[in-house]
Structures are given as C-alpha cells and as structure tokens.
Amino acid sequence: KNTLRNPTLEIPLKEKYTRKSLLDLHSSSCDKTTWY
C-alpha cells in the first residue's frame, strides 16, 4: 500500500547536501549531481 516517487526522496537529499551560509539567509545551491 505504500510507494515513493524519486522526487520525494530528493527533498531530504537537497536539504542534507545544500550548505546554508551563516552570513546570509540564502543557501549555496549545488546541482542534483553533487547531491547524489
């Protein structure tokens, strides 16, 4: 009764591997390849 789509798993992946700067409120984003 339970399935997951790949984009759903990319949400925590992005949160985990996107660095947040303390100097500003913006994240320094990387591309998906770097996350994976």
PDB file of all heavy atoms in Angstrom:
ATOM      1  N   LYS A   1       0.800  -1.228   0.000  1.00  0.00           N
ATOM      2  CA  LYS A   1       0.000   0.000   0.000  1.00  0.00           C
ATOM      3  C   LYS A   1       0.832   1.277   0.000  1.00  0.00           C
ATOM      4  O   LYS A   1       0.277   2.365   0.068  1.00  0.00           O
ATOM      5  CB  LYS A   1      -0.924   0.008   1.218  1.00  0.00           C
ATOM      6  CG  LYS A   1      -1.940  -1.115   1.207  1.00  0.00           C
ATOM      7  CD  LYS A   1      -2.828  -1.058   2.413  1.00  0.00           C
ATOM      8  CE  LYS A   1      -3.833  -2.197   2.397  1.00  0.00           C
ATOM      9  NZ  LYS A   1      -4.727  -2.173   3.541  1.00  0.00           N
ATOM     10  N   ASN A   2       2.137   1.161  -0.078  1.00  0.00           N
ATOM     11  CA  ASN A   2       2.986   2.346   0.061  1.00  0.00           C
ATOM     12  C   ASN A   2       4.038   2.399  -1.043  1.00  0.00           C
ATOM     13  O   ASN A   2       4.788   1.444  -1.235  1.00  0.00           O
ATOM     14  CB  ASN A   2       3.660   2.321   1.438  1.00  0.00           C
ATOM     15  CG  ASN A   2       4.376   3.606   1.757  1.00  0.00           C
ATOM     16  OD1 ASN A   2       4.203   4.610   1.087  1.00  0.00           O
ATOM     17  ND2 ASN A   2       5.185   3.561   2.788  1.00  0.00           N
ATOM     18  N   THR A   3       4.056   3.517  -1.757  1.00  0.00           N
ATOM     19  CA  THR A   3       5.076   3.747  -2.775  1.00  0.00           C
ATOM     20  C   THR A   3       5.710   5.121  -2.553  1.00  0.00           C
ATOM     21  O   THR A   3       5.131   5.980  -1.895  1.00  0.00           O
ATOM     22  CB  THR A   3       4.480   3.706  -4.199  1.00  0.00           C
ATOM     23  OG1 THR A   3       3.494   4.732  -4.329  1.00  0.00           O
ATOM     24  CG2 THR A   3       3.882   2.350  -4.519  1.00  0.00           C
ATOM     25  N   LEU A   4       6.892   5.281  -3.090  1.00  0.00           N
ATOM     26  CA  LEU A   4       7.592   6.567  -3.053  1.00  0.00           C
ATOM     27  C   LEU A   4       8.087   6.891  -4.445  1.00  0.00           C
ATOM     28  O   LEU A   4       8.607   6.016  -5.140  1.00  0.00           O
ATOM     29  CB  LEU A   4       8.814   6.494  -2.128  1.00  0.00           C
ATOM     30  CG  LEU A   4       8.631   6.649  -0.655  1.00  0.00           C
ATOM     31  CD1 LEU A   4       9.947   6.404   0.064  1.00  0.00           C
ATOM     32  CD2 LEU A   4       8.123   8.035  -0.323  1.00  0.00           C
ATOM     33  N   ARG A   5       7.942   8.121  -4.826  1.00  0.00           N
ATOM     34  CA  ARG A   5       8.491   8.554  -6.106  1.00  0.00           C
ATOM     35  C   ARG A   5       9.867   9.150  -5.872  1.00  0.00           C
ATOM     36  O   ARG A   5      10.143   9.704  -4.810  1.00  0.00           O
ATOM     37  CB  ARG A   5       7.574   9.581  -6.762  1.00  0.00           C
ATOM     38  CG  ARG A   5       6.277   8.964  -7.182  1.00  0.00           C
ATOM     39  CD  ARG A   5       5.350  10.003  -7.766  1.00  0.00           C
ATOM     40  NE  ARG A   5       4.101   9.355  -8.095  1.00  0.00           N
ATOM     41  CZ  ARG A   5       3.602   9.306  -9.318  1.00  0.00           C
ATOM     42  NH1 ARG A   5       4.217   9.908 -10.297  1.00  0.00           N
ATOM     43  NH2 ARG A   5       2.472   8.688  -9.541  1.00  0.00           N
ATOM     44  N   ASN A   6      10.716   9.046  -6.856  1.00  0.00           N
ATOM     45  CA  ASN A   6      12.085   9.529  -6.716  1.00  0.00           C
ATOM     46  C   ASN A   6      12.169  11.005  -6.316  1.00  0.00           C
ATOM     47  O   ASN A   6      12.973  11.352  -5.442  1.00  0.00           O
ATOM     48  CB  ASN A   6      12.861   9.266  -8.007  1.00  0.00           C
ATOM     49  CG  ASN A   6      14.330   9.229  -7.769  1.00  0.00           C
ATOM     50  OD1 ASN A   6      14.808   8.375  -7.032  1.00  0.00           O
ATOM     51  ND2 ASN A   6      15.053  10.153  -8.361  1.00  0.00           N
ATOM     52  N   PRO A   7      11.368  11.909  -6.879  1.00  0.00           N
ATOM     53  CA  PRO A   7      11.457  13.316  -6.455  1.00  0.00           C
ATOM     54  C   PRO A   7      11.171  13.526  -4.968  1.00  0.00           C
ATOM     55  O   PRO A   7      11.714  14.448  -4.359  1.00  0.00           O
ATOM     56  CB  PRO A   7      10.408  14.026  -7.313  1.00  0.00           C
ATOM     57  CG  PRO A   7      10.283  13.178  -8.529  1.00  0.00           C
ATOM     58  CD  PRO A   7      10.465  11.761  -8.027  1.00  0.00           C
ATOM     59  N   THR A   8      10.363  12.643  -4.362  1.00  0.00           N
ATOM     60  CA  THR A   8      10.094  12.741  -2.933  1.00  0.00           C
ATOM     61  C   THR A   8      11.368  12.504  -2.130  1.00  0.00           C
ATOM     62  O   THR A   8      11.616  13.170  -1.121  1.00  0.00           O
ATOM     63  CB  THR A   8       9.014  11.720  -2.523  1.00  0.00           C
ATOM     64  OG1 THR A   8       7.854  11.943  -3.315  1.00  0.00           O
ATOM     65  CG2 THR A   8       8.665  11.830  -1.057  1.00  0.00           C
ATOM     66  N   LEU A   9      12.203  11.578  -2.585  1.00  0.00           N
ATOM     67  CA  LEU A   9      13.467  11.300  -1.902  1.00  0.00           C
ATOM     68  C   LEU A   9      14.510  12.390  -2.140  1.00  0.00           C
ATOM     69  O   LEU A   9      15.462  12.516  -1.379  1.00  0.00           O
ATOM     70  CB  LEU A   9      14.028   9.950  -2.339  1.00  0.00           C
ATOM     71  CG  LEU A   9      13.266   8.736  -1.869  1.00  0.00           C
ATOM     72  CD1 LEU A   9      13.830   7.477  -2.506  1.00  0.00           C
ATOM     73  CD2 LEU A   9      13.312   8.630  -0.360  1.00  0.00           C
ATOM     74  N   GLU A  10      14.328  13.167  -3.192  1.00  0.00           N
ATOM     75  CA  GLU A  10      15.282  14.246  -3.471  1.00  0.00           C
ATOM     76  C   GLU A  10      15.121  15.424  -2.511  1.00  0.00           C
ATOM     77  O   GLU A  10      16.047  16.202  -2.338  1.00  0.00           O
ATOM     78  CB  GLU A  10      15.150  14.718  -4.911  1.00  0.00           C
ATOM     79  CG  GLU A  10      15.691  13.704  -5.898  1.00  0.00           C
ATOM     80  CD  GLU A  10      15.561  14.146  -7.332  1.00  0.00           C
ATOM     81  OE1 GLU A  10      14.864  15.151  -7.605  1.00  0.00           O
ATOM     82  OE2 GLU A  10      16.169  13.491  -8.201  1.00  0.00           O
ATOM     83  N   ILE A  11      13.973  15.538  -1.862  1.00  0.00           N
ATOM     84  CA  ILE A  11      13.757  16.645  -0.922  1.00  0.00           C
ATOM     85  C   ILE A  11      14.734  16.564   0.251  1.00  0.00           C
ATOM     86  O   ILE A  11      15.474  17.519   0.505  1.00  0.00           O
ATOM     87  CB  ILE A  11      12.279  16.704  -0.466  1.00  0.00           C
ATOM     88  CG1 ILE A  11      11.387  17.031  -1.657  1.00  0.00           C
ATOM     89  CG2 ILE A  11      12.104  17.709   0.666  1.00  0.00           C
ATOM     90  CD1 ILE A  11       9.897  16.835  -1.399  1.00  0.00           C
ATOM     91  N   PRO A  12      14.794  15.424   0.982  1.00  0.00           N
ATOM     92  CA  PRO A  12      15.782  15.360   2.065  1.00  0.00           C
ATOM     93  C   PRO A  12      17.222  15.354   1.553  1.00  0.00           C
ATOM     94  O   PRO A  12      18.131  15.825   2.240  1.00  0.00           O
ATOM     95  CB  PRO A  12      15.448  14.063   2.803  1.00  0.00           C
ATOM     96  CG  PRO A  12      14.645  13.263   1.861  1.00  0.00           C
ATOM     97  CD  PRO A  12      13.953  14.235   0.954  1.00  0.00           C
ATOM     98  N   LEU A  13      17.430  14.855   0.349  1.00  0.00           N
ATOM     99  CA  LEU A  13      18.765  14.863  -0.243  1.00  0.00           C
ATOM    100  C   LEU A  13      19.239  16.305  -0.442  1.00  0.00           C
ATOM    101  O   LEU A  13      20.359  16.658  -0.076  1.00  0.00           O
ATOM    102  CB  LEU A  13      18.733  14.118  -1.576  1.00  0.00           C
ATOM    103  CG  LEU A  13      20.059  13.872  -2.257  1.00  0.00           C
ATOM    104  CD1 LEU A  13      20.896  12.890  -1.460  1.00  0.00           C
ATOM    105  CD2 LEU A  13      19.825  13.337  -3.664  1.00  0.00           C
ATOM    106  N   LYS A  14      18.361  17.142  -0.970  1.00  0.00           N
ATOM    107  CA  LYS A  14      18.692  18.552  -1.178  1.00  0.00           C
ATOM    108  C   LYS A  14      18.965  19.239   0.164  1.00  0.00           C
ATOM    109  O   LYS A  14      19.940  19.969   0.304  1.00  0.00           O
ATOM    110  CB  LYS A  14      17.554  19.265  -1.893  1.00  0.00           C
ATOM    111  CG  LYS A  14      17.814  20.741  -2.104  1.00  0.00           C
ATOM    112  CD  LYS A  14      16.647  21.414  -2.788  1.00  0.00           C
ATOM    113  CE  LYS A  14      16.923  22.891  -2.955  1.00  0.00           C
ATOM    114  NZ  LYS A  14      15.805  23.598  -3.563  1.00  0.00           N
ATOM    115  N   GLU A  15      18.110  18.980   1.145  1.00  0.00           N
ATOM    116  CA  GLU A  15      18.290  19.606   2.458  1.00  0.00           C
ATOM    117  C   GLU A  15      19.596  19.178   3.113  1.00  0.00           C
ATOM    118  O   GLU A  15      20.264  19.972   3.759  1.00  0.00           O
ATOM    119  CB  GLU A  15      17.114  19.258   3.365  1.00  0.00           C
ATOM    120  CG  GLU A  15      15.817  19.900   2.930  1.00  0.00           C
ATOM    121  CD  GLU A  15      14.600  19.405   3.692  1.00  0.00           C
ATOM    122  OE1 GLU A  15      14.745  18.502   4.544  1.00  0.00           O
ATOM    123  OE2 GLU A  15      13.504  19.915   3.427  1.00  0.00           O
ATOM    124  N   LYS A  16      19.966  17.928   2.922  1.00  0.00           N
ATOM    125  CA  LYS A  16      21.152  17.387   3.562  1.00  0.00           C
ATOM    126  C   LYS A  16      22.448  17.907   2.939  1.00  0.00           C
ATOM    127  O   LYS A  16      23.420  18.154   3.637  1.00  0.00           O
ATOM    128  CB  LYS A  16      21.117  15.858   3.473  1.00  0.00           C
ATOM    129  CG  LYS A  16      22.199  15.179   4.242  1.00  0.00           C
ATOM    130  CD  LYS A  16      21.937  13.695   4.269  1.00  0.00           C
ATOM    131  CE  LYS A  16      22.902  13.031   5.227  1.00  0.00           C
ATOM    132  NZ  LYS A  16      22.578  11.662   5.479  1.00  0.00           N
ATOM    133  N   TYR A  17      22.457  18.090   1.626  1.00  0.00           N
ATOM    134  CA  TYR A  17      23.696  18.414   0.933  1.00  0.00           C
ATOM    135  C   TYR A  17      23.757  19.832   0.371  1.00  0.00           C
ATOM    136  O   TYR A  17      24.656  20.143  -0.391  1.00  0.00           O
ATOM    137  CB  TYR A  17      23.965  17.384  -0.165  1.00  0.00           C
ATOM    138  CG  TYR A  17      24.217  16.026   0.424  1.00  0.00           C
ATOM    139  CD1 TYR A  17      23.258  15.027   0.370  1.00  0.00           C
ATOM    140  CD2 TYR A  17      25.396  15.767   1.102  1.00  0.00           C
ATOM    141  CE1 TYR A  17      23.482  13.791   0.947  1.00  0.00           C
ATOM    142  CE2 TYR A  17      25.631  14.532   1.684  1.00  0.00           C
ATOM    143  CZ  TYR A  17      24.668  13.547   1.598  1.00  0.00           C
ATOM    144  OH  TYR A  17      24.889  12.325   2.170  1.00  0.00           O
ATOM    145  N   THR A  18      22.819  20.682   0.734  1.00  0.00           N
ATOM    146  CA  THR A  18      22.898  22.085   0.363  1.00  0.00           C
ATOM    147  C   THR A  18      23.401  22.838   1.583  1.00  0.00           C
ATOM    148  O   THR A  18      22.788  22.784   2.641  1.00  0.00           O
ATOM    149  CB  THR A  18      21.527  22.635  -0.068  1.00  0.00           C
ATOM    150  OG1 THR A  18      21.074  21.888  -1.201  1.00  0.00           O
ATOM    151  CG2 THR A  18      21.611  24.096  -0.459  1.00  0.00           C
ATOM    152  N   ARG A  19      24.512  23.492   1.429  1.00  0.00           N
ATOM    153  CA  ARG A  19      25.096  24.212   2.558  1.00  0.00           C
ATOM    154  C   ARG A  19      24.351  25.513   2.795  1.00  0.00           C
ATOM    155  O   ARG A  19      24.037  26.240   1.876  1.00  0.00           O
ATOM    156  CB  ARG A  19      26.559  24.506   2.284  1.00  0.00           C
ATOM    157  CG  ARG A  19      27.388  23.272   2.243  1.00  0.00           C
ATOM    158  CD  ARG A  19      28.829  23.616   2.151  1.00  0.00           C
ATOM    159  NE  ARG A  19      29.606  22.388   2.180  1.00  0.00           N
ATOM    160  CZ  ARG A  19      30.788  22.267   1.669  1.00  0.00           C
ATOM    161  NH1 ARG A  19      31.363  23.299   1.100  1.00  0.00           N
ATOM    162  NH2 ARG A  19      31.423  21.131   1.728  1.00  0.00           N
ATOM    163  N   LYS A  20      24.143  25.797   4.037  1.00  0.00           N
ATOM    164  CA  LYS A  20      23.498  27.045   4.413  1.00  0.00           C
ATOM    165  C   LYS A  20      24.563  27.977   4.985  1.00  0.00           C
ATOM    166  O   LYS A  20      25.339  27.590   5.848  1.00  0.00           O
ATOM    167  CB  LYS A  20      22.402  26.787   5.439  1.00  0.00           C
ATOM    168  CG  LYS A  20      21.369  25.800   4.933  1.00  0.00           C
ATOM    169  CD  LYS A  20      20.041  26.054   5.559  1.00  0.00           C
ATOM    170  CE  LYS A  20      19.006  25.044   5.224  1.00  0.00           C
ATOM    171  NZ  LYS A  20      18.759  24.665   3.924  1.00  0.00           N
ATOM    172  N   SER A  21      24.581  29.177   4.492  1.00  0.00           N
ATOM    173  CA  SER A  21      25.559  30.152   4.937  1.00  0.00           C
ATOM    174  C   SER A  21      25.049  30.873   6.169  1.00  0.00           C
ATOM    175  O   SER A  21      23.892  31.260   6.249  1.00  0.00           O
ATOM    176  CB  SER A  21      25.826  31.163   3.815  1.00  0.00           C
ATOM    177  OG  SER A  21      26.622  32.211   4.297  1.00  0.00           O
ATOM    178  N   LEU A  22      25.912  31.073   7.129  1.00  0.00           N
ATOM    179  CA  LEU A  22      25.536  31.823   8.323  1.00  0.00           C
ATOM    180  C   LEU A  22      25.543  33.326   8.055  1.00  0.00           C
ATOM    181  O   LEU A  22      24.956  34.103   8.801  1.00  0.00           O
ATOM    182  CB  LEU A  22      26.510  31.510   9.464  1.00  0.00           C
ATOM    183  CG  LEU A  22      26.491  30.071   9.968  1.00  0.00           C
ATOM    184  CD1 LEU A  22      27.576  29.878  11.022  1.00  0.00           C
ATOM    185  CD2 LEU A  22      25.134  29.718  10.542  1.00  0.00           C
ATOM    186  N   LEU A  23      26.222  33.751   7.014  1.00  0.00           N
ATOM    187  CA  LEU A  23      26.328  35.177   6.720  1.00  0.00           C
ATOM    188  C   LEU A  23      25.109  35.728   6.003  1.00  0.00           C
ATOM    189  O   LEU A  23      24.847  36.912   6.049  1.00  0.00           O
ATOM    190  CB  LEU A  23      27.586  35.453   5.885  1.00  0.00           C
ATOM    191  CG  LEU A  23      28.902  35.046   6.565  1.00  0.00           C
ATOM    192  CD1 LEU A  23      30.068  35.251   5.617  1.00  0.00           C
ATOM    193  CD2 LEU A  23      29.109  35.844   7.841  1.00  0.00           C
ATOM    194  N   ASP A  24      24.386  34.862   5.321  1.00  0.00           N
ATOM    195  CA  ASP A  24      23.161  35.323   4.665  1.00  0.00           C
ATOM    196  C   ASP A  24      22.089  34.251   4.785  1.00  0.00           C
ATOM    197  O   ASP A  24      22.342  33.155   5.254  1.00  0.00           O
ATOM    198  CB  ASP A  24      23.414  35.709   3.198  1.00  0.00           C
ATOM    199  CG  ASP A  24      23.898  34.540   2.368  1.00  0.00           C
ATOM    200  OD1 ASP A  24      23.681  33.366   2.746  1.00  0.00           O
ATOM    201  OD2 ASP A  24      24.496  34.780   1.324  1.00  0.00           O
ATOM    202  N   LEU A  25      20.923  34.571   4.380  1.00  0.00           N
ATOM    203  CA  LEU A  25      19.800  33.646   4.516  1.00  0.00           C
ATOM    204  C   LEU A  25      19.627  32.744   3.304  1.00  0.00           C
ATOM    205  O   LEU A  25      18.719  31.940   3.258  1.00  0.00           O
ATOM    206  CB  LEU A  25      18.511  34.432   4.778  1.00  0.00           C
ATOM    207  CG  LEU A  25      18.510  35.268   6.055  1.00  0.00           C
ATOM    208  CD1 LEU A  25      17.230  36.079   6.150  1.00  0.00           C
ATOM    209  CD2 LEU A  25      18.668  34.387   7.281  1.00  0.00           C
ATOM    210  N   HIS A  26      20.497  32.908   2.334  1.00  0.00           N
ATOM    211  CA  HIS A  26      20.382  32.116   1.112  1.00  0.00           C
ATOM    212  C   HIS A  26      21.250  30.873   1.208  1.00  0.00           C
ATOM    213  O   HIS A  26      22.311  30.878   1.815  1.00  0.00           O
ATOM    214  CB  HIS A  26      20.807  32.940  -0.110  1.00  0.00           C
ATOM    215  CG  HIS A  26      19.987  34.171  -0.282  1.00  0.00           C
ATOM    216  ND1 HIS A  26      18.695  34.139  -0.718  1.00  0.00           N
ATOM    217  CD2 HIS A  26      20.277  35.460  -0.051  1.00  0.00           C
ATOM    218  CE1 HIS A  26      18.215  35.365  -0.758  1.00  0.00           C
ATOM    219  NE2 HIS A  26      19.153  36.193  -0.359  1.00  0.00           N
ATOM    220  N   SER A  27      20.807  29.812   0.580  1.00  0.00           N
ATOM    221  CA  SER A  27      21.584  28.582   0.520  1.00  0.00           C
ATOM    222  C   SER A  27      22.480  28.623  -0.706  1.00  0.00           C
ATOM    223  O   SER A  27      22.087  29.123  -1.749  1.00  0.00           O
ATOM    224  CB  SER A  27      20.656  27.375   0.410  1.00  0.00           C
ATOM    225  OG  SER A  27      19.837  27.297   1.534  1.00  0.00           O
ATOM    226  N   SER A  28      23.686  28.119  -0.544  1.00  0.00           N
ATOM    227  CA  SER A  28      24.535  27.966  -1.717  1.00  0.00           C
ATOM    228  C   SER A  28      24.136  26.652  -2.368  1.00  0.00           C
ATOM    229  O   SER A  28      24.418  25.576  -1.858  1.00  0.00           O
ATOM    230  CB  SER A  28      26.010  27.953  -1.327  1.00  0.00           C
ATOM    231  OG  SER A  28      26.283  26.869  -0.488  1.00  0.00           O
ATOM    232  N   SER A  29      23.414  26.735  -3.438  1.00  0.00           N
ATOM    233  CA  SER A  29      22.846  25.519  -4.018  1.00  0.00           C
ATOM    234  C   SER A  29      23.852  24.838  -4.931  1.00  0.00           C
ATOM    235  O   SER A  29      24.658  25.478  -5.588  1.00  0.00           O
ATOM    236  CB  SER A  29      21.566  25.841  -4.781  1.00  0.00           C
ATOM    237  OG  SER A  29      21.840  26.741  -5.806  1.00  0.00           O
ATOM    238  N   CYS A  30      23.810  23.543  -4.938  1.00  0.00           N
ATOM    239  CA  CYS A  30      24.583  22.717  -5.847  1.00  0.00           C
ATOM    240  C   CYS A  30      23.571  22.059  -6.774  1.00  0.00           C
ATOM    241  O   CYS A  30      22.384  22.080  -6.513  1.00  0.00           O
ATOM    242  CB  CYS A  30      25.320  21.622  -5.101  1.00  0.00           C
ATOM    243  SG  CYS A  30      26.072  22.091  -3.563  1.00  0.00           S
ATOM    244  N   ASP A  31      24.078  21.452  -7.802  1.00  0.00           N
ATOM    245  CA  ASP A  31      23.153  20.749  -8.681  1.00  0.00           C
ATOM    246  C   ASP A  31      22.863  19.350  -8.138  1.00  0.00           C
ATOM    247  O   ASP A  31      23.503  18.869  -7.207  1.00  0.00           O
ATOM    248  CB  ASP A  31      23.685  20.697 -10.105  1.00  0.00           C
ATOM    249  CG  ASP A  31      25.016  19.967 -10.211  1.00  0.00           C
ATOM    250  OD1 ASP A  31      25.466  19.386  -9.209  1.00  0.00           O
ATOM    251  OD2 ASP A  31      25.592  19.987 -11.302  1.00  0.00           O
ATOM    252  N   LYS A  32      21.888  18.707  -8.730  1.00  0.00           N
ATOM    253  CA  LYS A  32      21.464  17.384  -8.258  1.00  0.00           C
ATOM    254  C   LYS A  32      22.592  16.368  -8.340  1.00  0.00           C
ATOM    255  O   LYS A  32      22.686  15.481  -7.493  1.00  0.00           O
ATOM    256  CB  LYS A  32      20.276  16.880  -9.080  1.00  0.00           C
ATOM    257  CG  LYS A  32      18.977  17.523  -8.731  1.00  0.00           C
ATOM    258  CD  LYS A  32      17.861  16.872  -9.514  1.00  0.00           C
ATOM    259  CE  LYS A  32      16.554  17.570  -9.242  1.00  0.00           C
ATOM    260  NZ  LYS A  32      15.438  16.921  -9.935  1.00  0.00           N
ATOM    261  N   THR A  33      23.439  16.504  -9.334  1.00  0.00           N
ATOM    262  CA  THR A  33      24.546  15.562  -9.467  1.00  0.00           C
ATOM    263  C   THR A  33      25.417  15.579  -8.222  1.00  0.00           C
ATOM    264  O   THR A  33      25.814  14.529  -7.715  1.00  0.00           O
ATOM    265  CB  THR A  33      25.399  15.902 -10.704  1.00  0.00           C
ATOM    266  OG1 THR A  33      24.556  15.915 -11.855  1.00  0.00           O
ATOM    267  CG2 THR A  33      26.512  14.903 -10.902  1.00  0.00           C
ATOM    268  N   THR A  34      25.695  16.753  -7.686  1.00  0.00           N
ATOM    269  CA  THR A  34      26.511  16.877  -6.476  1.00  0.00           C
ATOM    270  C   THR A  34      25.816  16.247  -5.287  1.00  0.00           C
ATOM    271  O   THR A  34      26.452  15.567  -4.474  1.00  0.00           O
ATOM    272  CB  THR A  34      26.826  18.361  -6.195  1.00  0.00           C
ATOM    273  OG1 THR A  34      27.437  18.927  -7.343  1.00  0.00           O
ATOM    274  CG2 THR A  34      27.735  18.513  -4.998  1.00  0.00           C
ATOM    275  N   TRP A  35      24.513  16.437  -5.168  1.00  0.00           N
ATOM    276  CA  TRP A  35      23.762  15.821  -4.065  1.00  0.00           C
ATOM    277  C   TRP A  35      23.893  14.307  -4.124  1.00  0.00           C
ATOM    278  O   TRP A  35      24.189  13.661  -3.135  1.00  0.00           O
ATOM    279  CB  TRP A  35      22.285  16.152  -4.124  1.00  0.00           C
ATOM    280  CG  TRP A  35      21.915  17.589  -4.160  1.00  0.00           C
ATOM    281  CD1 TRP A  35      22.672  18.665  -3.779  1.00  0.00           C
ATOM    282  CD2 TRP A  35      20.681  18.116  -4.604  1.00  0.00           C
ATOM    283  NE1 TRP A  35      21.967  19.813  -3.964  1.00  0.00           N
ATOM    284  CE2 TRP A  35      20.742  19.513  -4.462  1.00  0.00           C
ATOM    285  CE3 TRP A  35      19.516  17.539  -5.101  1.00  0.00           C
ATOM    286  CZ2 TRP A  35      19.691  20.350  -4.809  1.00  0.00           C
ATOM    287  CZ3 TRP A  35      18.459  18.367  -5.450  1.00  0.00           C
ATOM    288  CH2 TRP A  35      18.555  19.760  -5.296  1.00  0.00           C
ATOM    289  N   TYR A  36      23.645  13.756  -5.315  1.00  0.00           N
ATOM    290  CA  TYR A  36      23.693  12.307  -5.475  1.00  0.00           C
ATOM    291  C   TYR A  36      25.100  11.764  -5.234  1.00  0.00           C
ATOM    292  O   TYR A  36      25.272  10.738  -4.584  1.00  0.00           O
ATOM    293  CB  TYR A  36      23.211  11.904  -6.869  1.00  0.00           C
ATOM    294  CG  TYR A  36      21.713  11.780  -6.981  1.00  0.00           C
ATOM    295  CD1 TYR A  36      20.925  12.867  -7.337  1.00  0.00           C
ATOM    296  CD2 TYR A  36      21.085  10.566  -6.747  1.00  0.00           C
ATOM    297  CE1 TYR A  36      19.542  12.746  -7.444  1.00  0.00           C
ATOM    298  CE2 TYR A  36      19.713  10.429  -6.854  1.00  0.00           C
ATOM    299  CZ  TYR A  36      18.950  11.529  -7.206  1.00  0.00           C
ATOM    300  OH  TYR A  36      17.594  11.397  -7.303  1.00  0.00           O
TER     301      TYR A  36
END
